[in-house]
N, C-alpha and C. Protein backbone atom coordinates (compact mmCIF):
# COMPACT_ATOMS: atom_id res chain seq x y z
N MET A 1 44.52 101.85 98.96
CA MET A 1 43.53 102.56 99.76
C MET A 1 42.89 103.65 98.90
N ASN A 2 41.58 103.68 98.90
CA ASN A 2 40.84 104.66 98.12
C ASN A 2 40.29 105.72 99.08
N ILE A 3 40.80 106.93 98.97
CA ILE A 3 40.37 108.02 99.85
C ILE A 3 39.51 108.99 99.04
N ARG A 4 38.29 109.23 99.54
CA ARG A 4 37.40 110.18 98.86
C ARG A 4 37.56 111.55 99.47
N PRO A 5 37.28 112.59 98.69
CA PRO A 5 37.34 113.94 99.24
C PRO A 5 36.21 114.18 100.24
N VAL A 6 36.46 115.08 101.18
CA VAL A 6 35.49 115.43 102.22
C VAL A 6 35.33 116.94 102.24
N ALA A 7 34.10 117.42 102.38
CA ALA A 7 33.83 118.85 102.49
C ALA A 7 33.01 119.12 103.74
N ILE A 8 33.26 120.27 104.35
CA ILE A 8 32.42 120.76 105.45
C ILE A 8 31.55 121.87 104.87
N VAL A 9 30.24 121.72 105.00
CA VAL A 9 29.30 122.69 104.44
C VAL A 9 28.47 123.28 105.56
N THR A 10 28.61 124.59 105.78
CA THR A 10 27.80 125.25 106.80
C THR A 10 26.45 125.64 106.20
N GLY A 11 25.40 125.42 106.96
CA GLY A 11 24.06 125.70 106.43
C GLY A 11 23.68 124.76 105.30
N GLY A 12 24.26 123.57 105.32
CA GLY A 12 24.11 122.65 104.20
C GLY A 12 22.74 122.04 104.03
N ALA A 13 21.89 122.11 105.03
CA ALA A 13 20.57 121.51 104.91
C ALA A 13 19.47 122.55 104.73
N GLY A 14 19.85 123.80 104.62
CA GLY A 14 18.87 124.87 104.47
C GLY A 14 18.32 124.93 103.06
N PHE A 15 17.93 126.09 102.65
CA PHE A 15 17.31 126.25 101.33
C PHE A 15 18.14 127.11 100.39
N GLY A 16 19.38 127.41 100.76
CA GLY A 16 20.19 128.31 99.96
C GLY A 16 21.38 127.64 99.30
N ILE A 17 22.46 128.42 99.22
CA ILE A 17 23.67 127.97 98.56
C ILE A 17 24.25 126.72 99.21
N GLY A 18 24.23 126.67 100.55
CA GLY A 18 24.78 125.51 101.25
C GLY A 18 24.08 124.22 100.86
N HIS A 19 22.77 124.28 100.72
CA HIS A 19 22.01 123.10 100.32
C HIS A 19 22.40 122.67 98.91
N GLY A 20 22.46 123.62 98.01
CA GLY A 20 22.85 123.31 96.62
C GLY A 20 24.25 122.73 96.55
N LEU A 21 25.15 123.27 97.36
CA LEU A 21 26.52 122.77 97.39
C LEU A 21 26.56 121.35 97.95
N SER A 22 25.78 121.08 98.98
CA SER A 22 25.70 119.72 99.53
C SER A 22 25.23 118.74 98.47
N GLU A 23 24.20 119.10 97.74
CA GLU A 23 23.67 118.24 96.68
C GLU A 23 24.73 117.98 95.61
N ALA A 24 25.38 119.04 95.16
CA ALA A 24 26.36 118.91 94.08
C ALA A 24 27.56 118.07 94.50
N LEU A 25 28.08 118.32 95.69
CA LEU A 25 29.25 117.58 96.15
C LEU A 25 28.93 116.11 96.38
N ALA A 26 27.79 115.83 96.99
CA ALA A 26 27.40 114.44 97.21
C ALA A 26 27.20 113.72 95.88
N SER A 27 26.61 114.39 94.92
CA SER A 27 26.42 113.80 93.59
C SER A 27 27.75 113.50 92.90
N ALA A 28 28.78 114.28 93.25
CA ALA A 28 30.11 114.09 92.67
C ALA A 28 30.95 113.08 93.47
N GLY A 29 30.35 112.51 94.53
CA GLY A 29 31.04 111.47 95.29
C GLY A 29 31.80 111.94 96.52
N TRP A 30 31.59 113.18 96.92
CA TRP A 30 32.26 113.70 98.12
C TRP A 30 31.51 113.26 99.37
N ASP A 31 32.27 112.91 100.42
CA ASP A 31 31.69 112.72 101.74
C ASP A 31 31.52 114.10 102.36
N LEU A 32 30.51 114.28 103.22
CA LEU A 32 30.20 115.61 103.74
C LEU A 32 30.04 115.63 105.25
N VAL A 33 30.44 116.75 105.83
CA VAL A 33 30.06 117.12 107.18
C VAL A 33 29.20 118.36 107.01
N ILE A 34 27.94 118.25 107.38
CA ILE A 34 26.99 119.35 107.19
C ILE A 34 26.62 119.93 108.54
N THR A 35 26.75 121.25 108.67
CA THR A 35 26.25 121.90 109.88
C THR A 35 24.95 122.60 109.54
N ASP A 36 24.04 122.54 110.48
CA ASP A 36 22.76 123.22 110.30
C ASP A 36 22.15 123.46 111.67
N ARG A 37 21.36 124.50 111.80
CA ARG A 37 20.73 124.82 113.08
C ARG A 37 19.59 123.89 113.42
N LYS A 38 19.04 123.22 112.42
CA LYS A 38 17.87 122.36 112.64
C LYS A 38 18.26 120.90 112.40
N PRO A 39 18.45 120.13 113.49
CA PRO A 39 18.92 118.75 113.35
C PRO A 39 18.01 117.85 112.52
N LYS A 40 16.70 118.02 112.63
CA LYS A 40 15.78 117.17 111.85
C LYS A 40 15.95 117.41 110.36
N ARG A 41 16.12 118.67 109.99
CA ARG A 41 16.30 119.00 108.58
C ARG A 41 17.61 118.40 108.07
N GLY A 42 18.66 118.48 108.90
CA GLY A 42 19.94 117.90 108.52
C GLY A 42 19.87 116.39 108.38
N ALA A 43 19.16 115.73 109.30
CA ALA A 43 19.03 114.28 109.25
C ALA A 43 18.27 113.83 108.01
N LYS A 44 17.25 114.59 107.64
CA LYS A 44 16.45 114.25 106.46
C LYS A 44 17.31 114.33 105.19
N LEU A 45 18.10 115.40 105.09
CA LEU A 45 18.98 115.55 103.93
C LEU A 45 20.04 114.46 103.93
N ALA A 46 20.62 114.16 105.08
CA ALA A 46 21.66 113.13 105.17
C ALA A 46 21.13 111.78 104.71
N GLU A 47 19.91 111.47 105.10
CA GLU A 47 19.32 110.19 104.69
C GLU A 47 19.20 110.12 103.17
N ARG A 48 18.75 111.21 102.57
CA ARG A 48 18.58 111.22 101.11
C ARG A 48 19.91 111.15 100.39
N LEU A 49 20.91 111.94 100.85
CA LEU A 49 22.19 111.98 100.17
C LEU A 49 22.99 110.69 100.39
N SER A 50 22.79 110.04 101.52
CA SER A 50 23.49 108.77 101.79
C SER A 50 23.13 107.72 100.75
N ALA A 51 21.96 107.82 100.17
CA ALA A 51 21.55 106.87 99.13
C ALA A 51 22.45 106.95 97.90
N LEU A 52 23.22 108.04 97.80
CA LEU A 52 24.16 108.19 96.68
C LEU A 52 25.47 107.45 96.94
N GLY A 53 25.59 106.83 98.11
CA GLY A 53 26.78 106.07 98.43
C GLY A 53 27.89 106.87 99.08
N VAL A 54 27.55 108.04 99.60
CA VAL A 54 28.54 108.87 100.28
C VAL A 54 28.26 108.88 101.78
N ALA A 55 29.29 109.22 102.55
CA ALA A 55 29.13 109.31 104.01
C ALA A 55 28.74 110.74 104.36
N ILE A 56 27.73 110.89 105.20
CA ILE A 56 27.25 112.19 105.61
C ILE A 56 27.21 112.25 107.13
N GLU A 57 27.81 113.27 107.70
CA GLU A 57 27.75 113.52 109.14
C GLU A 57 27.07 114.87 109.33
N VAL A 58 26.08 114.93 110.20
CA VAL A 58 25.37 116.19 110.45
C VAL A 58 25.72 116.67 111.86
N VAL A 59 26.10 117.93 111.96
CA VAL A 59 26.40 118.56 113.24
C VAL A 59 25.39 119.68 113.44
N ALA A 60 24.58 119.58 114.49
CA ALA A 60 23.61 120.63 114.80
C ALA A 60 24.36 121.78 115.44
N ALA A 61 24.44 122.90 114.74
CA ALA A 61 25.18 124.05 115.26
C ALA A 61 24.77 125.31 114.51
N ASP A 62 24.83 126.42 115.24
CA ASP A 62 24.70 127.74 114.63
C ASP A 62 26.10 128.33 114.63
N VAL A 63 26.75 128.32 113.48
CA VAL A 63 28.15 128.72 113.41
C VAL A 63 28.35 130.22 113.65
N THR A 64 27.26 130.98 113.76
CA THR A 64 27.40 132.40 114.09
C THR A 64 27.56 132.62 115.58
N GLU A 65 27.32 131.56 116.39
CA GLU A 65 27.42 131.67 117.85
C GLU A 65 28.84 131.35 118.32
N THR A 66 29.35 132.17 119.23
CA THR A 66 30.64 131.90 119.83
C THR A 66 30.56 130.59 120.59
N GLY A 67 31.56 129.73 120.41
CA GLY A 67 31.59 128.47 121.10
C GLY A 67 30.81 127.36 120.41
N ALA A 68 30.32 127.62 119.21
CA ALA A 68 29.60 126.57 118.47
C ALA A 68 30.57 125.43 118.17
N PRO A 69 30.07 124.18 118.15
CA PRO A 69 30.97 123.04 117.88
C PRO A 69 31.57 123.09 116.50
């Protein structure tokens, strides 16, 4: 059984550190769970990164809010 590493990246589809980390980890073969406040932006990034052969799950959430998923 081949198990790949998985990372959870908050703000992963934005324009800052989270986005850069998502790019780097996906390029290194990591599967990702990306949280972002804007679902369309997350879906667009997931589509692009999935082409690298990794699994991407996007969760629309603002992690600064109490009760966020």
